[in-house]
Amino acid sequence: MKNLFIFAISNFFDIMTNLFNLSEEEVQQIKIERYTHGNIQIQKRLNAIYLMTTTELSQEEIAHCVGCHRNNLRNWREQCISQGLPSLYSNDYRKPTSILDDYSQIILSHFDKYPIQSVNQAVSVIEELTQIKRSPTQVRQFLLRHDYKWRKTGQIPAKANVAGQKKMAR
């Protein structure tokens, strides 16, 4: 019975690396990059996969060590098995896109020809051009995303005409 237990422990590493289809080099890469990778989320993923392949800890214990939910461990394990180790290095979070981005060429070329003076004016022009009504906040974000910045303008002083001032002084 004791020999069977030792055999099970010695073969655990081989079984788990075969489950994940990882080579020795990939396991060593994970061992290093789980602390040195630039993205903390990817460090968590690599640390979880490393603990799953090299230890006999349960899913809940690994989740507690890594600091995530056990469902994340399941997702990362399935992702590593089905798509391979490089898939864990990607951060493909949902980034919502605006409908106005489809019309950005039309809108921005119009704003280049006819500069706007306020967000509310931009809202009305965009509605005329595209038949899409958006709030001033959404239009402001659209303009900022396309490098349109608001300029604070000042008044021209009353005595800005230097030649006229000299003439008056005589």
Protein backbone atom coordinates (compact mmCIF):
# COMPACT_ATOMS: atom_id res chain seq x y z
CA MET A 1 0.00 0.00 0.00
CA LYS A 2 2.84 2.39 0.86
CA ASN A 3 4.59 1.70 -2.47
CA LEU A 4 1.35 2.40 -4.32
CA PHE A 5 1.03 5.77 -2.54
CA ILE A 6 4.64 6.73 -3.42
CA PHE A 7 4.07 5.65 -7.02
CA ALA A 8 0.92 7.80 -7.19
CA ILE A 9 2.78 10.85 -5.88
CA SER A 10 5.72 10.36 -8.24
CA ASN A 11 3.44 10.02 -11.25
CA PHE A 12 1.16 12.93 -10.30
CA PHE A 13 3.37 15.49 -12.00
CA ASP A 14 3.49 13.42 -15.20
CA ILE A 15 -0.28 12.93 -15.21
CA MET A 16 -1.08 16.62 -14.71
CA THR A 17 1.41 17.83 -17.33
CA ASN A 18 -0.06 15.31 -19.75
CA LEU A 19 -3.55 16.60 -18.90
CA PHE A 20 -2.47 20.14 -19.74
CA ASN A 21 -0.26 19.01 -22.67
CA LEU A 22 2.67 20.95 -21.22
CA SER A 23 6.31 20.17 -21.81
CA GLU A 24 9.04 20.50 -19.19
CA GLU A 25 10.18 23.77 -20.81
CA GLU A 26 6.68 25.23 -20.59
CA VAL A 27 6.41 24.27 -16.93
CA GLN A 28 9.76 25.98 -16.26
CA GLN A 29 8.55 29.04 -18.20
CA ILE A 30 5.39 29.14 -16.07
CA LYS A 31 7.49 28.76 -12.91
CA ILE A 32 9.47 31.89 -13.80
CA GLU A 33 6.75 34.04 -15.35
CA ARG A 34 4.19 33.50 -12.61
CA TYR A 35 6.15 36.11 -10.63
CA THR A 36 7.82 38.16 -13.37
CA HIS A 37 5.12 38.74 -15.98
CA GLY A 38 4.04 42.36 -16.33
CA ASN A 39 0.29 41.75 -15.96
CA ILE A 40 -0.99 40.72 -12.53
CA GLN A 41 -4.01 38.87 -13.95
CA ILE A 42 -1.74 36.72 -16.11
CA GLN A 43 0.51 36.09 -13.10
CA LYS A 44 -2.54 34.74 -11.24
CA ARG A 45 -3.44 32.45 -14.13
CA LEU A 46 0.09 31.12 -14.48
CA ASN A 47 0.41 30.59 -10.74
CA ALA A 48 -2.87 28.65 -10.68
CA ILE A 49 -1.84 26.43 -13.60
CA TYR A 50 1.56 25.87 -12.01
CA LEU A 51 -0.02 24.84 -8.70
CA MET A 52 -2.45 22.54 -10.52
CA THR A 53 0.38 20.80 -12.36
CA THR A 54 2.94 20.53 -9.56
CA THR A 55 0.93 20.03 -6.37
CA GLU A 56 -1.92 17.86 -5.15
CA LEU A 57 -3.87 20.77 -3.67
CA SER A 58 -7.60 20.83 -4.22
CA GLN A 59 -9.29 23.41 -6.43
CA GLU A 60 -10.53 25.34 -3.40
CA GLU A 61 -7.08 25.41 -1.80
CA ILE A 62 -5.47 26.64 -5.01
CA ALA A 63 -8.22 29.24 -5.43
CA HIS A 64 -7.57 30.47 -1.89
CA CYS A 65 -3.79 30.60 -2.49
CA VAL A 66 -4.13 32.44 -5.79
CA GLY A 67 -6.93 34.72 -4.62
CA CYS A 68 -9.67 33.90 -7.12
CA HIS A 69 -12.85 31.86 -7.36
CA ARG A 70 -12.72 28.16 -8.16
CA ASN A 71 -14.82 28.78 -11.28
CA ASN A 72 -11.95 30.89 -12.63
CA LEU A 73 -9.62 27.94 -12.06
CA ARG A 74 -11.96 25.68 -13.99
CA ASN A 75 -12.15 28.20 -16.87
CA TRP A 76 -8.36 28.65 -16.99
CA ARG A 77 -7.80 24.88 -16.86
CA GLU A 78 -10.26 24.26 -19.71
CA GLN A 79 -8.78 27.13 -21.70
CA CYS A 80 -5.25 25.77 -21.26
CA ILE A 81 -6.32 22.25 -22.23
CA SER A 82 -8.37 23.26 -25.28
CA GLN A 83 -6.37 26.22 -26.64
CA GLY A 84 -2.91 25.72 -25.17
CA LEU A 85 -0.70 27.74 -22.85
CA PRO A 86 -0.40 30.87 -25.05
CA SER A 87 -4.14 31.50 -24.67
CA LEU A 88 -3.59 32.27 -20.97
CA TYR A 89 -1.38 35.21 -21.93
CA SER A 90 -4.18 37.12 -23.66
CA ASN A 91 -6.42 39.69 -22.00
CA ASP A 92 -9.47 39.79 -24.24
CA TYR A 93 -11.88 41.67 -22.09
CA ARG A 94 -15.02 43.11 -23.61
CA LYS A 95 -14.56 46.61 -24.86
CA PRO A 96 -17.84 48.23 -25.86
CA THR A 97 -17.85 50.20 -29.08
CA SER A 98 -20.00 53.14 -29.97
CA ILE A 99 -22.33 53.22 -32.95
CA LEU A 100 -20.85 56.63 -33.71
CA ASP A 101 -17.54 54.94 -34.54
CA ASP A 102 -19.14 53.58 -37.71
CA TYR A 103 -19.80 57.17 -38.82
CA SER A 104 -16.58 58.68 -37.48
CA GLN A 105 -15.17 59.57 -40.94
CA ILE A 106 -18.27 61.57 -41.86
CA ILE A 107 -18.55 63.27 -38.48
CA LEU A 108 -14.88 64.17 -38.12
CA SER A 109 -14.54 65.49 -41.67
CA HIS A 110 -17.58 67.70 -41.05
CA PHE A 111 -16.08 68.98 -37.80
CA ASP A 112 -12.80 69.74 -39.59
CA LYS A 113 -14.64 71.87 -42.16
CA TYR A 114 -17.07 73.45 -39.70
CA PRO A 115 -15.60 73.57 -36.17
CA ILE A 116 -18.04 73.21 -33.32
CA GLN A 117 -18.24 75.52 -30.35
CA SER A 118 -20.05 73.40 -27.78
CA VAL A 119 -21.00 69.84 -27.01
CA ASN A 120 -24.67 70.60 -27.53
CA GLN A 121 -23.90 71.91 -31.00
CA ALA A 122 -21.97 68.69 -31.70
CA VAL A 123 -24.97 66.65 -30.51
CA SER A 124 -27.29 68.42 -32.92
CA VAL A 125 -24.82 68.18 -35.86
CA ILE A 126 -24.27 64.46 -35.25
CA GLU A 127 -28.01 63.91 -35.12
CA GLU A 128 -28.43 65.74 -38.45
CA LEU A 129 -25.62 63.79 -40.13
CA THR A 130 -26.34 60.29 -38.84
CA GLN A 131 -29.93 60.31 -37.48
CA ILE A 132 -28.46 58.98 -34.21
CA LYS A 133 -29.29 60.84 -31.01
CA ARG A 134 -26.70 60.61 -28.24
CA SER A 135 -26.39 62.40 -24.93
CA PRO A 136 -23.85 65.20 -24.51
CA THR A 137 -21.73 62.95 -22.29
CA GLN A 138 -21.51 60.26 -24.98
CA VAL A 139 -20.67 62.81 -27.67
CA ARG A 140 -18.01 64.36 -25.43
CA GLN A 141 -16.43 60.92 -24.95
CA PHE A 142 -16.56 60.28 -28.71
CA LEU A 143 -14.80 63.58 -29.42
CA LEU A 144 -12.15 62.99 -26.75
CA ARG A 145 -11.53 59.51 -28.13
CA HIS A 146 -10.79 61.10 -31.51
CA ASP A 147 -8.42 63.73 -30.05
CA TYR A 148 -10.80 66.67 -30.10
CA LYS A 149 -10.01 68.68 -27.00
CA TRP A 150 -11.90 71.57 -25.57
CA ARG A 151 -10.06 74.86 -25.63
CA LYS A 152 -10.69 77.43 -22.99
CA THR A 153 -10.93 80.74 -24.78
CA GLY A 154 -10.38 84.10 -23.25
CA GLN A 155 -11.50 87.56 -24.20
CA ILE A 156 -9.36 89.94 -26.17
CA PRO A 157 -8.46 92.89 -23.96
CA ALA A 158 -10.01 96.20 -24.91
CA LYS A 159 -6.61 97.79 -25.40
CA ALA A 160 -5.18 95.18 -27.73
CA ASN A 161 -4.71 97.59 -30.64
CA VAL A 162 -1.19 98.92 -29.96
CA ALA A 163 -1.13 101.25 -32.98
CA GLY A 164 -4.46 102.75 -31.96
CA GLN A 165 -3.19 103.24 -28.42
CA LYS A 166 -0.13 105.15 -29.65
CA LYS A 167 -2.32 107.30 -31.83
CA MET A 168 -4.58 108.08 -28.87
CA ALA A 169 -1.62 108.86 -26.63
CA ARG A 170 -0.41 111.68 -28.95
